[in-house]
C-alpha cells in the first residue's frame, strides 16, 4: 500500500505535466464506480469514499 501527501500546488503541476492521474485517484476513482465496493465495505452517503449514483459512470 502506498501513501503520499502532496500540496495542492504540487498536484496541480503533476496534473498539468503528467500523463496519468495522481496516485490516490488511480484506485479510489475506479472502485467508486462499482456497487459491489459499497456493499463490501458498507459505504453509504456521507462517507468520504461515497459517490452518488448519478455521478458514477454507466456503461
PDB file of N, CA and C in Angstrom:
ATOM      1  N   UNK A   1       0.856  -1.169   0.000  1.00  0.00           N
ATOM      2  CA  UNK A   1       0.000   0.000   0.000  1.00  0.00           C
ATOM      3  C   UNK A   1       0.895   1.224   0.000  1.00  0.00           C
ATOM      4  N   UNK A   2       0.592   2.148  -0.876  1.00  0.00           N
ATOM      5  CA  UNK A   2       1.349   3.397  -0.966  1.00  0.00           C
ATOM      6  C   UNK A   2       0.533   4.537  -0.374  1.00  0.00           C
ATOM      7  N   UNK A   3       1.237   5.464   0.219  1.00  0.00           N
ATOM      8  CA  UNK A   3       0.586   6.643   0.762  1.00  0.00           C
ATOM      9  C   UNK A   3       1.436   7.852   0.414  1.00  0.00           C
ATOM     10  N   UNK A   4       0.791   8.924   0.067  1.00  0.00           N
ATOM     11  CA  UNK A   4       1.514  10.150  -0.223  1.00  0.00           C
ATOM     12  C   UNK A   4       0.693  11.344   0.216  1.00  0.00           C
ATOM     13  N   UNK A   5       1.397  12.394   0.579  1.00  0.00           N
ATOM     14  CA  UNK A   5       0.716  13.621   0.962  1.00  0.00           C
ATOM     15  C   UNK A   5       1.401  14.748   0.200  1.00  0.00           C
ATOM     16  N   UNK A   6       0.651  15.390  -0.673  1.00  0.00           N
ATOM     17  CA  UNK A   6       1.221  16.421  -1.525  1.00  0.00           C
ATOM     18  C   UNK A   6       0.409  17.701  -1.413  1.00  0.00           C
ATOM     19  N   UNK A   7       1.078  18.808  -1.661  1.00  0.00           N
ATOM     20  CA  UNK A   7       0.390  20.095  -1.627  1.00  0.00           C
ATOM     21  C   UNK A   7      -0.507  20.234  -2.853  1.00  0.00           C
ATOM     22  N   UNK A   8      -1.468  21.119  -2.753  1.00  0.00           N
ATOM     23  CA  UNK A   8      -2.364  21.378  -3.875  1.00  0.00           C
ATOM     24  C   UNK A   8      -1.568  21.878  -5.082  1.00  0.00           C
ATOM     25  N   UNK A   9      -0.549  22.697  -4.829  1.00  0.00           N
ATOM     26  CA  UNK A   9       0.292  23.225  -5.914  1.00  0.00           C
ATOM     27  C   UNK A   9       1.020  22.084  -6.632  1.00  0.00           C
ATOM     28  N   UNK A  10       1.590  21.152  -5.862  1.00  0.00           N
ATOM     29  CA  UNK A  10       2.279  20.009  -6.452  1.00  0.00           C
ATOM     30  C   UNK A  10       1.328  19.184  -7.308  1.00  0.00           C
ATOM     31  N   UNK A  11       0.137  18.912  -6.796  1.00  0.00           N
ATOM     32  CA  UNK A  11      -0.837  18.117  -7.541  1.00  0.00           C
ATOM     33  C   UNK A  11      -1.260  18.817  -8.825  1.00  0.00           C
ATOM     34  N   UNK A  12      -1.386  20.130  -8.799  1.00  0.00           N
ATOM     35  CA  UNK A  12      -1.747  20.880  -9.995  1.00  0.00           C
ATOM     36  C   UNK A  12      -0.642  20.779 -11.044  1.00  0.00           C
ATOM     37  N   UNK A  13       0.605  20.923 -10.631  1.00  0.00           N
ATOM     38  CA  UNK A  13       1.734  20.787 -11.562  1.00  0.00           C
ATOM     39  C   UNK A  13       1.773  19.372 -12.121  1.00  0.00           C
ATOM     40  N   UNK A  14       1.584  18.382 -11.271  1.00  0.00           N
ATOM     41  CA  UNK A  14       1.582  16.995 -11.722  1.00  0.00           C
ATOM     42  C   UNK A  14       0.464  16.770 -12.731  1.00  0.00           C
ATOM     43  N   UNK A  15      -0.701  17.293 -12.457  1.00  0.00           N
ATOM     44  CA  UNK A  15      -1.849  17.149 -13.357  1.00  0.00           C
ATOM     45  C   UNK A  15      -1.547  17.764 -14.722  1.00  0.00           C
ATOM     46  N   UNK A  16      -0.893  18.910 -14.722  1.00  0.00           N
ATOM     47  CA  UNK A  16      -0.614  19.621 -15.972  1.00  0.00           C
ATOM     48  C   UNK A  16       0.548  19.027 -16.756  1.00  0.00           C
ATOM     49  N   UNK A  17       1.434  18.267 -16.112  1.00  0.00           N
ATOM     50  CA  UNK A  17       2.640  17.786 -16.786  1.00  0.00           C
ATOM     51  C   UNK A  17       2.715  16.272 -16.954  1.00  0.00           C
ATOM     52  N   UNK A  18       1.910  15.514 -16.258  1.00  0.00           N
ATOM     53  CA  UNK A  18       1.977  14.052 -16.322  1.00  0.00           C
ATOM     54  C   UNK A  18       0.859  13.496 -17.201  1.00  0.00           C
ATOM     55  N   UNK A  19       1.037  12.273 -17.643  1.00  0.00           N
ATOM     56  CA  UNK A  19       0.033  11.616 -18.480  1.00  0.00           C
ATOM     57  C   UNK A  19      -0.848  10.665 -17.687  1.00  0.00           C
ATOM     58  N   UNK A  20      -0.834  10.774 -16.377  1.00  0.00           N
ATOM     59  CA  UNK A  20      -1.649   9.896 -15.543  1.00  0.00           C
ATOM     60  C   UNK A  20      -2.120  10.666 -14.313  1.00  0.00           C
ATOM     61  N   UNK A  21      -3.201  10.197 -13.710  1.00  0.00           N
ATOM     62  CA  UNK A  21      -3.765  10.905 -12.551  1.00  0.00           C
ATOM     63  C   UNK A  21      -2.909  10.718 -11.297  1.00  0.00           C
ATOM     64  N   UNK A  22      -3.118  11.562 -10.289  1.00  0.00           N
ATOM     65  CA  UNK A  22      -2.411  11.389  -9.012  1.00  0.00           C
ATOM     66  C   UNK A  22      -2.687  10.006  -8.424  1.00  0.00           C
ATOM     67  N   UNK A  23      -1.749   9.520  -7.614  1.00  0.00           N
ATOM     68  CA  UNK A  23      -1.831   8.155  -7.082  1.00  0.00           C
ATOM     69  C   UNK A  23      -3.147   7.856  -6.382  1.00  0.00           C
ATOM     70  N   UNK A  24      -3.701   8.789  -5.635  1.00  0.00           N
ATOM     71  CA  UNK A  24      -4.917   8.494  -4.874  1.00  0.00           C
ATOM     72  C   UNK A  24      -6.133   8.306  -5.776  1.00  0.00           C
ATOM     73  N   UNK A  25      -6.088   8.832  -6.985  1.00  0.00           N
ATOM     74  CA  UNK A  25      -7.214   8.652  -7.904  1.00  0.00           C
ATOM     75  C   UNK A  25      -7.111   7.375  -8.724  1.00  0.00           C
ATOM     76  N   UNK A  26      -5.921   6.819  -8.835  1.00  0.00           N
ATOM     77  CA  UNK A  26      -5.735   5.624  -9.662  1.00  0.00           C
ATOM     78  C   UNK A  26      -6.532   4.440  -9.138  1.00  0.00           C
ATOM     79  N   UNK A  27      -6.808   4.414  -7.868  1.00  0.00           N
ATOM     80  CA  UNK A  27      -7.619   3.341  -7.285  1.00  0.00           C
ATOM     81  C   UNK A  27      -8.974   3.873  -6.848  1.00  0.00           C
ATOM     82  N   UNK A  28      -8.984   4.930  -6.064  1.00  0.00           N
ATOM     83  CA  UNK A  28     -10.233   5.428  -5.481  1.00  0.00           C
ATOM     84  C   UNK A  28     -11.283   5.756  -6.528  1.00  0.00           C
ATOM     85  N   UNK A  29     -10.907   6.473  -7.568  1.00  0.00           N
ATOM     86  CA  UNK A  29     -11.881   6.876  -8.583  1.00  0.00           C
ATOM     87  C   UNK A  29     -12.443   5.673  -9.325  1.00  0.00           C
ATOM     88  N   UNK A  30     -11.666   4.605  -9.400  1.00  0.00           N
ATOM     89  CA  UNK A  30     -12.137   3.403 -10.097  1.00  0.00           C
ATOM     90  C   UNK A  30     -13.104   2.615  -9.224  1.00  0.00           C
ATOM     91  N   UNK A  31     -12.713   2.312  -7.985  1.00  0.00           N
ATOM     92  CA  UNK A  31     -13.582   1.487  -7.141  1.00  0.00           C
ATOM     93  C   UNK A  31     -14.887   2.192  -6.801  1.00  0.00           C
ATOM     94  N   UNK A  32     -14.898   3.522  -6.797  1.00  0.00           N
ATOM     95  CA  UNK A  32     -16.123   4.269  -6.503  1.00  0.00           C
ATOM     96  C   UNK A  32     -17.199   4.054  -7.563  1.00  0.00           C
ATOM     97  N   UNK A  33     -16.858   3.475  -8.683  1.00  0.00           N
ATOM     98  CA  UNK A  33     -17.810   3.266  -9.767  1.00  0.00           C
ATOM     99  C   UNK A  33     -18.636   1.989  -9.598  1.00  0.00           C
ATOM    100  N   UNK A  34     -18.232   1.102  -8.688  1.00  0.00           N
ATOM    101  CA  UNK A  34     -18.844  -0.218  -8.576  1.00  0.00           C
ATOM    102  C   UNK A  34     -19.732  -0.363  -7.344  1.00  0.00           C
ATOM    103  N   UNK A  35     -20.973  -0.799  -7.564  1.00  0.00           N
ATOM    104  CA  UNK A  35     -21.903  -1.040  -6.453  1.00  0.00           C
ATOM    105  C   UNK A  35     -21.331  -2.049  -5.462  1.00  0.00           C
ATOM    106  N   UNK A  36     -20.587  -3.038  -5.971  1.00  0.00           N
ATOM    107  CA  UNK A  36     -20.010  -4.069  -5.116  1.00  0.00           C
ATOM    108  C   UNK A  36     -19.066  -3.473  -4.074  1.00  0.00           C
ATOM    109  N   UNK A  37     -18.370  -2.408  -4.422  1.00  0.00           N
ATOM    110  CA  UNK A  37     -17.467  -1.720  -3.492  1.00  0.00           C
ATOM    111  C   UNK A  37     -18.252  -1.190  -2.296  1.00  0.00           C
ATOM    112  N   UNK A  38     -19.399  -0.586  -2.566  1.00  0.00           N
ATOM    113  CA  UNK A  38     -20.227  -0.010  -1.499  1.00  0.00           C
ATOM    114  C   UNK A  38     -20.786  -1.103  -0.594  1.00  0.00           C
ATOM    115  N   UNK A  39     -21.180  -2.217  -1.203  1.00  0.00           N
ATOM    116  CA  UNK A  39     -21.716  -3.335  -0.422  1.00  0.00           C
ATOM    117  C   UNK A  39     -20.627  -3.985   0.425  1.00  0.00           C
ATOM    118  N   UNK A  40     -19.458  -4.214  -0.169  1.00  0.00           N
ATOM    119  CA  UNK A  40     -18.370  -4.910   0.526  1.00  0.00           C
ATOM    120  C   UNK A  40     -17.866  -4.139   1.744  1.00  0.00           C
ATOM    121  N   UNK A  41     -17.823  -2.823   1.641  1.00  0.00           N
ATOM    122  CA  UNK A  41     -17.264  -2.012   2.725  1.00  0.00           C
ATOM    123  C   UNK A  41     -18.297  -1.203   3.493  1.00  0.00           C
ATOM    124  N   UNK A  42     -19.564  -1.413   3.189  1.00  0.00           N
ATOM    125  CA  UNK A  42     -20.623  -0.713   3.912  1.00  0.00           C
ATOM    126  C   UNK A  42     -20.572   0.799   3.729  1.00  0.00           C
ATOM    127  N   UNK A  43     -20.140   1.243   2.568  1.00  0.00           N
ATOM    128  CA  UNK A  43     -20.036   2.681   2.279  1.00  0.00           C
ATOM    129  C   UNK A  43     -21.439   3.237   2.039  1.00  0.00           C
ATOM    130  N   UNK A  44     -21.721   4.372   2.668  1.00  0.00           N
ATOM    131  CA  UNK A  44     -23.039   4.987   2.488  1.00  0.00           C
ATOM    132  C   UNK A  44     -22.898   6.504   2.374  1.00  0.00           C
ATOM    133  N   UNK A  45     -23.980   7.154   2.010  1.00  0.00           N
ATOM    134  CA  UNK A  45     -23.995   8.609   1.869  1.00  0.00           C
ATOM    135  C   UNK A  45     -23.399   9.259   3.113  1.00  0.00           C
ATOM    136  N   UNK A  46     -22.531  10.229   2.897  1.00  0.00           N
ATOM    137  CA  UNK A  46     -21.869  10.912   3.995  1.00  0.00           C
ATOM    138  C   UNK A  46     -20.456  10.405   4.246  1.00  0.00           C
ATOM    139  N   UNK A  47     -20.148   9.188   3.785  1.00  0.00           N
ATOM    140  CA  UNK A  47     -18.795   8.646   3.929  1.00  0.00           C
ATOM    141  C   UNK A  47     -17.870   9.304   2.904  1.00  0.00           C
ATOM    142  N   UNK A  48     -16.592   9.410   3.239  1.00  0.00           N
ATOM    143  CA  UNK A  48     -15.627  10.077   2.374  1.00  0.00           C
ATOM    144  C   UNK A  48     -15.476   9.465   0.997  1.00  0.00           C
ATOM    145  N   UNK A  49     -15.660   8.160   0.880  1.00  0.00           N
ATOM    146  CA  UNK A  49     -15.497   7.483  -0.410  1.00  0.00           C
ATOM    147  C   UNK A  49     -16.807   7.374  -1.179  1.00  0.00           C
ATOM    148  N   UNK A  50     -17.890   7.902  -0.648  1.00  0.00           N
ATOM    149  CA  UNK A  50     -19.194   7.786  -1.308  1.00  0.00           C
ATOM    150  C   UNK A  50     -19.268   8.705  -2.521  1.00  0.00           C
ATOM    151  N   UNK A  51     -19.745   8.148  -3.625  1.00  0.00           N
ATOM    152  CA  UNK A  51     -20.005   8.911  -4.840  1.00  0.00           C
ATOM    153  C   UNK A  51     -21.456   8.636  -5.218  1.00  0.00           C
ATOM    154  N   UNK A  52     -22.287   9.670  -5.309  1.00  0.00           N
ATOM    155  CA  UNK A  52     -23.701   9.454  -5.620  1.00  0.00           C
ATOM    156  C   UNK A  52     -23.868   8.692  -6.941  1.00  0.00           C
ATOM    157  N   UNK A  53     -24.854   7.801  -7.018  1.00  0.00           N
ATOM    158  CA  UNK A  53     -25.063   7.001  -8.232  1.00  0.00           C
ATOM    159  C   UNK A  53     -25.151   7.829  -9.509  1.00  0.00           C
ATOM    160  N   UNK A  54     -25.753   9.008  -9.442  1.00  0.00           N
ATOM    161  CA  UNK A  54     -25.896   9.821 -10.648  1.00  0.00           C
ATOM    162  C   UNK A  54     -24.558  10.369 -11.148  1.00  0.00           C
ATOM    163  N   UNK A  55     -23.513  10.313 -10.317  1.00  0.00           N
ATOM    164  CA  UNK A  55     -22.185  10.783 -10.734  1.00  0.00           C
ATOM    165  C   UNK A  55     -21.272   9.633 -11.152  1.00  0.00           C
ATOM    166  N   UNK A  56     -21.751   8.396 -11.012  1.00  0.00           N
ATOM    167  CA  UNK A  56     -20.951   7.231 -11.398  1.00  0.00           C
ATOM    168  C   UNK A  56     -21.072   6.985 -12.894  1.00  0.00           C
ATOM    169  N   UNK A  57     -20.035   6.408 -13.447  1.00  0.00           N
ATOM    170  CA  UNK A  57     -20.013   6.102 -14.875  1.00  0.00           C
ATOM    171  C   UNK A  57     -20.952   4.938 -15.158  1.00  0.00           C
ATOM    172  N   UNK A  58     -21.727   5.061 -16.203  1.00  0.00           N
ATOM    173  CA  UNK A  58     -22.620   3.977 -16.632  1.00  0.00           C
ATOM    174  C   UNK A  58     -22.188   3.519 -18.018  1.00  0.00           C
ATOM    175  N   UNK A  59     -22.000   2.231 -18.166  1.00  0.00           N
ATOM    176  CA  UNK A  59     -21.643   1.662 -19.472  1.00  0.00           C
ATOM    177  C   UNK A  59     -22.788   0.866 -20.019  1.00  0.00           C
TER     178      UNK A  59
END
